[in-house]
Amino acid sequence: MASVDPTPYPTWLAQEERQADRLAVVWPATISSMKFDAEACSISDITHLGCRIMLTHRVTVGTYVTIDMPQLTKLEGWIAWNREHEVGVEFSHPLPVDVLSDIELRMQAGPPH
C-alpha cells in the first residue's frame, strides 16, 4: 500500500516561469526571520510578486522573512529559492503598483545609501 503525504508540496517551490518583469535595483535593506536576527542585505531585482536578495548566509527555502527597505516600506514573504549568497523571496502580498513605481523613480535618481 502506497503512503500519501498529507501535506501538499507548495506549488510556488516548483515554479520557474517568470510571472512579472524584473526591475534591476541596488537597494540596501535588512532581512530578518523568527529563525535569525536582522542582517544587512541588498535587493538586486524586484517585481510586484517578489525580489532577489544578496546576503551573507543561506536561508532555508520556505522560511518566512521580513524585508525592511529603509525610508520606503517593509515587505514579508517566503524564501522561494536559494543559491550561494542570494535568495528569491515571494511576497505574501503583491507589492502595490505605486510602491514599485516609487522604487523605479528613486533608482533613476540614484541608488539609496
Protein backbone atom coordinates (compact mmCIF):
# COMPACT_ATOMS: atom_id res chain seq x y z
CA MET A 1 0.00 0.00 0.00
CA ALA A 2 1.42 3.39 -1.03
CA SER A 3 1.60 6.10 1.58
CA VAL A 4 0.29 9.54 0.77
CA ASP A 5 1.91 12.67 2.14
CA PRO A 6 -0.95 14.68 3.69
CA THR A 7 0.93 17.95 3.25
CA PRO A 8 0.83 19.10 -0.37
CA TYR A 9 4.12 20.37 -1.80
CA PRO A 10 3.77 24.16 -2.24
CA THR A 11 3.32 24.91 -5.93
CA TRP A 12 5.46 28.05 -5.71
CA LEU A 13 8.54 25.97 -4.83
CA ALA A 14 8.48 24.33 -8.25
CA GLN A 15 7.76 27.43 -10.33
CA GLU A 16 10.43 28.51 -12.76
CA GLU A 17 8.31 30.67 -15.05
CA ARG A 18 8.63 34.38 -14.52
CA GLN A 19 5.24 35.93 -13.83
CA ALA A 20 6.40 39.54 -13.89
CA ASP A 21 9.16 41.66 -15.43
CA ARG A 22 12.02 42.29 -13.02
CA LEU A 23 13.24 45.78 -12.19
CA ALA A 24 17.02 45.80 -11.63
CA VAL A 25 17.88 47.73 -8.46
CA VAL A 26 20.64 48.15 -5.93
CA TRP A 27 18.74 48.76 -2.72
CA PRO A 28 20.21 48.32 0.78
CA ALA A 29 17.81 46.62 3.18
CA THR A 30 17.68 44.31 6.16
CA ILE A 31 16.22 40.81 6.25
CA SER A 32 15.03 39.01 9.38
CA SER A 33 13.04 35.98 10.44
CA MET A 34 11.93 34.09 13.52
CA LYS A 35 14.92 31.84 12.69
CA PHE A 36 17.61 34.56 12.57
CA ASP A 37 18.26 38.16 13.62
CA ALA A 38 18.13 41.09 11.22
CA GLU A 39 21.10 41.33 8.89
CA ALA A 40 22.11 43.75 6.17
CA CYS A 41 21.36 42.69 2.62
CA SER A 42 20.94 44.18 -0.83
CA ILE A 43 17.93 43.83 -3.11
CA SER A 44 19.18 43.29 -6.66
CA ASP A 45 15.88 43.00 -8.51
CA ILE A 46 12.22 43.35 -7.65
CA THR A 47 8.74 42.81 -9.11
CA HIS A 48 5.30 43.21 -7.60
CA LEU A 49 5.45 39.47 -6.73
CA GLY A 50 8.92 39.13 -5.20
CA CYS A 51 12.59 40.05 -5.20
CA ARG A 52 16.15 38.73 -5.33
CA ILE A 53 18.32 39.48 -2.31
CA MET A 54 22.06 39.23 -1.83
CA LEU A 55 23.11 38.27 1.71
CA THR A 56 25.92 36.62 3.64
CA HIS A 57 24.39 33.26 4.52
CA ARG A 58 21.94 30.70 3.14
CA VAL A 59 18.33 30.82 4.21
CA THR A 60 16.20 27.69 4.05
CA VAL A 61 13.55 27.55 1.34
CA GLY A 62 10.13 28.13 2.89
CA THR A 63 11.40 30.43 5.66
CA TYR A 64 9.05 33.38 6.28
CA VAL A 65 11.05 36.63 6.26
CA THR A 66 10.60 40.36 6.76
CA ILE A 67 12.49 42.74 4.50
CA ASP A 68 12.91 46.33 5.64
CA MET A 69 13.59 48.84 2.86
CA PRO A 70 14.50 51.97 4.88
CA GLN A 71 12.58 55.12 4.04
CA LEU A 72 10.20 53.13 1.84
CA THR A 73 8.41 50.01 3.10
CA LYS A 74 8.54 46.69 4.92
CA LEU A 75 7.79 43.53 2.96
CA GLU A 76 7.03 39.99 4.07
CA GLY A 77 7.23 36.73 2.20
CA TRP A 78 8.75 33.28 1.84
CA ILE A 79 12.15 32.20 0.59
CA ALA A 80 11.31 30.53 -2.74
CA TRP A 81 14.87 29.53 -3.71
CA ASN A 82 18.48 29.98 -2.59
CA ARG A 83 21.86 29.89 -4.31
CA GLU A 84 25.14 30.61 -2.56
CA HIS A 85 24.68 34.17 -1.22
CA GLU A 86 21.39 35.08 -2.88
CA VAL A 87 17.76 34.18 -2.29
CA GLY A 88 14.46 34.70 -4.05
CA VAL A 89 11.55 35.95 -1.97
CA GLU A 90 7.91 35.54 -2.94
CA PHE A 91 5.92 38.31 -1.24
CA SER A 92 2.98 37.35 0.96
CA HIS A 93 1.01 40.18 -0.68
CA PRO A 94 1.73 41.70 -4.09
CA LEU A 95 3.64 44.97 -3.94
CA PRO A 96 1.31 47.87 -4.80
CA VAL A 97 1.99 49.38 -8.22
CA ASP A 98 2.61 52.83 -6.71
CA VAL A 99 5.36 51.45 -4.42
CA LEU A 100 7.06 49.69 -7.34
CA SER A 101 6.80 52.90 -9.39
CA ASP A 102 8.32 54.87 -6.50
CA ILE A 103 11.25 52.40 -6.31
CA GLU A 104 11.82 52.83 -10.06
CA LEU A 105 11.78 56.64 -9.80
CA ARG A 106 14.17 56.61 -6.85
CA MET A 107 16.56 54.28 -8.71
CA GLN A 108 16.60 56.67 -11.68
CA ALA A 109 17.69 59.41 -9.26
CA GLY A 110 20.50 57.16 -7.96
CA PRO A 111 20.63 54.24 -5.53
CA PRO A 112 19.90 54.94 -1.86
CA HIS A 113 22.77 54.97 0.66
